[in-house]
C-alpha atoms as a PDB file:
ATOM      1  CA  UNK A   1     -28.869  -0.145 -58.390  1.00  0.00           C
ATOM      2  CA  UNK A   2     -29.456  -0.268 -62.401  1.00  0.00           C
ATOM      3  CA  UNK A   3     -28.325   3.951 -62.046  1.00  0.00           C
ATOM      4  CA  UNK A   4     -24.680   3.100 -60.738  1.00  0.00           C
ATOM      5  CA  UNK A   5     -24.108   0.896 -64.517  1.00  0.00           C
ATOM      6  CA  UNK A   6     -26.141   3.073 -66.685  1.00  0.00           C
ATOM      7  CA  UNK A   7     -23.860   5.674 -65.455  1.00  0.00           C
ATOM      8  CA  UNK A   8     -20.451   3.716 -65.839  1.00  0.00           C
ATOM      9  CA  UNK A   9     -22.095   1.817 -69.176  1.00  0.00           C
ATOM     10  CA  UNK A  10     -23.181   5.142 -71.281  1.00  0.00           C
ATOM     11  CA  UNK A  11     -19.794   6.532 -70.984  1.00  0.00           C
ATOM     12  CA  UNK A  12     -17.783   3.585 -72.394  1.00  0.00           C
ATOM     13  CA  UNK A  13     -20.399   3.025 -75.525  1.00  0.00           C
ATOM     14  CA  UNK A  14     -20.840   6.550 -76.780  1.00  0.00           C
ATOM     15  CA  UNK A  15     -17.017   6.650 -76.189  1.00  0.00           C
ATOM     16  CA  UNK A  16     -16.342   3.775 -78.989  1.00  0.00           C
ATOM     17  CA  UNK A  17     -19.281   5.292 -80.889  1.00  0.00           C
ATOM     18  CA  UNK A  18     -17.547   8.376 -80.525  1.00  0.00           C
ATOM     19  CA  UNK A  19     -14.143   7.004 -81.520  1.00  0.00           C
ATOM     20  CA  UNK A  20     -15.664   4.674 -84.396  1.00  0.00           C
ATOM     21  CA  UNK A  21     -17.436   7.698 -85.619  1.00  0.00           C
ATOM     22  CA  UNK A  22     -14.302   9.513 -86.090  1.00  0.00           C
ATOM     23  CA  UNK A  23     -12.396   6.574 -87.582  1.00  0.00           C
ATOM     24  CA  UNK A  24     -14.680   6.264 -90.159  1.00  0.00           C
ATOM     25  CA  UNK A  25     -14.853   9.821 -90.965  1.00  0.00           C
ATOM     26  CA  UNK A  26     -10.796  10.387 -91.120  1.00  0.00           C
ATOM     27  CA  UNK A  27      -8.290   8.154 -92.311  1.00  0.00           C
ATOM     28  CA  UNK A  28      -6.365   6.367 -89.217  1.00  0.00           C
ATOM     29  CA  UNK A  29      -3.400   9.052 -88.980  1.00  0.00           C
ATOM     30  CA  UNK A  30      -5.757  11.897 -88.363  1.00  0.00           C
ATOM     31  CA  UNK A  31      -7.969  10.089 -86.443  1.00  0.00           C
ATOM     32  CA  UNK A  32      -5.660   8.922 -83.675  1.00  0.00           C
ATOM     33  CA  UNK A  33      -3.981  12.070 -83.550  1.00  0.00           C
ATOM     34  CA  UNK A  34      -7.384  13.548 -83.342  1.00  0.00           C
ATOM     35  CA  UNK A  35      -7.902  10.902 -80.207  1.00  0.00           C
ATOM     36  CA  UNK A  36      -4.197  11.771 -78.726  1.00  0.00           C
ATOM     37  CA  UNK A  37      -5.463  15.621 -78.450  1.00  0.00           C
ATOM     38  CA  UNK A  38      -8.424  14.775 -76.836  1.00  0.00           C
ATOM     39  CA  UNK A  39      -6.687  12.703 -74.373  1.00  0.00           C
ATOM     40  CA  UNK A  40      -4.230  15.089 -73.698  1.00  0.00           C
ATOM     41  CA  UNK A  41      -6.139  18.334 -72.904  1.00  0.00           C
ATOM     42  CA  UNK A  42      -8.923  16.554 -71.575  1.00  0.00           C
ATOM     43  CA  UNK A  43      -7.239  14.057 -68.901  1.00  0.00           C
ATOM     44  CA  UNK A  44      -5.445  16.199 -67.150  1.00  0.00           C
ATOM     45  CA  UNK A  45      -8.255  18.466 -65.863  1.00  0.00           C
ATOM     46  CA  UNK A  46     -10.367  15.279 -65.256  1.00  0.00           C
ATOM     47  CA  UNK A  47      -7.442  13.741 -63.549  1.00  0.00           C
ATOM     48  CA  UNK A  48      -7.495  17.138 -60.920  1.00  0.00           C
ATOM     49  CA  UNK A  49     -10.848  17.646 -60.437  1.00  0.00           C
ATOM     50  CA  UNK A  50     -10.965  14.011 -58.881  1.00  0.00           C
ATOM     51  CA  UNK A  51      -9.286  13.997 -56.663  1.00  0.00           C
ATOM     52  CA  UNK A  52     -10.185  17.590 -55.787  1.00  0.00           C
ATOM     53  CA  UNK A  53     -13.814  16.539 -55.807  1.00  0.00           C
ATOM     54  CA  UNK A  54     -12.681  12.912 -53.863  1.00  0.00           C
ATOM     55  CA  UNK A  55     -10.117  15.438 -51.402  1.00  0.00           C
ATOM     56  CA  UNK A  56     -13.576  17.609 -50.276  1.00  0.00           C
ATOM     57  CA  UNK A  57     -15.779  14.842 -49.835  1.00  0.00           C
ATOM     58  CA  UNK A  58     -13.432  13.197 -47.602  1.00  0.00           C
ATOM     59  CA  UNK A  59     -13.191  16.527 -45.354  1.00  0.00           C
ATOM     60  CA  UNK A  60     -16.583  17.097 -45.758  1.00  0.00           C
ATOM     61  CA  UNK A  61     -18.125  13.676 -45.012  1.00  0.00           C
ATOM     62  CA  UNK A  62     -19.120  14.003 -41.593  1.00  0.00           C
ATOM     63  CA  UNK A  63     -21.599  17.327 -42.643  1.00  0.00           C
ATOM     64  CA  UNK A  64     -22.373  15.853 -45.769  1.00  0.00           C
ATOM     65  CA  UNK A  65     -23.664  12.623 -43.879  1.00  0.00           C
ATOM     66  CA  UNK A  66     -25.597  14.663 -40.996  1.00  0.00           C
ATOM     67  CA  UNK A  67     -27.214  16.730 -43.760  1.00  0.00           C
ATOM     68  CA  UNK A  68     -28.379  13.971 -45.673  1.00  0.00           C
ATOM     69  CA  UNK A  69     -29.485  12.128 -42.186  1.00  0.00           C
ATOM     70  CA  UNK A  70     -27.521   8.899 -43.384  1.00  0.00           C
ATOM     71  CA  UNK A  71     -25.450   6.600 -41.386  1.00  0.00           C
ATOM     72  CA  UNK A  72     -21.779   6.710 -41.154  1.00  0.00           C
ATOM     73  CA  UNK A  73     -22.095   2.643 -40.966  1.00  0.00           C
ATOM     74  CA  UNK A  74     -21.348   0.229 -43.613  1.00  0.00           C
ATOM     75  CA  UNK A  75     -23.814  -2.046 -43.740  1.00  0.00           C
ATOM     76  CA  UNK A  76     -22.314  -5.212 -45.689  1.00  0.00           C
ATOM     77  CA  UNK A  77     -25.293  -7.169 -47.905  1.00  0.00           C
ATOM     78  CA  UNK A  78     -25.322 -10.589 -46.833  1.00  0.00           C
ATOM     79  CA  UNK A  79     -26.416  -9.424 -42.763  1.00  0.00           C
ATOM     80  CA  UNK A  80     -28.967  -7.163 -43.909  1.00  0.00           C
ATOM     81  CA  UNK A  81     -30.297  -9.918 -47.058  1.00  0.00           C
ATOM     82  CA  UNK A  82     -29.491 -13.115 -45.791  1.00  0.00           C
ATOM     83  CA  UNK A  83     -31.446 -14.190 -49.463  1.00  0.00           C
ATOM     84  CA  UNK A  84     -29.198 -12.423 -51.580  1.00  0.00           C
ATOM     85  CA  UNK A  85     -25.645 -13.770 -50.884  1.00  0.00           C
ATOM     86  CA  UNK A  86     -27.121 -17.504 -51.375  1.00  0.00           C
ATOM     87  CA  UNK A  87     -28.722 -16.261 -54.761  1.00  0.00           C
END
């Protein structure tokens, strides 16, 4: 559970750090242009690969779960651990 939040917060933290360091090193206009260039260059491939990865996982879900020996059922936290929902 901690890894989930660390994996979410670290890119956000370092992204803000990178943006602030750009504004420290350059004037506002060049820094904004550099950020816009990064977004234009990096965002479309990220979206394409995210969509392709999601489609790949959905098409091979049964095989992957079988290889991992994982259950396909969804377990609700309040049913599995009744004390968790009361906290």
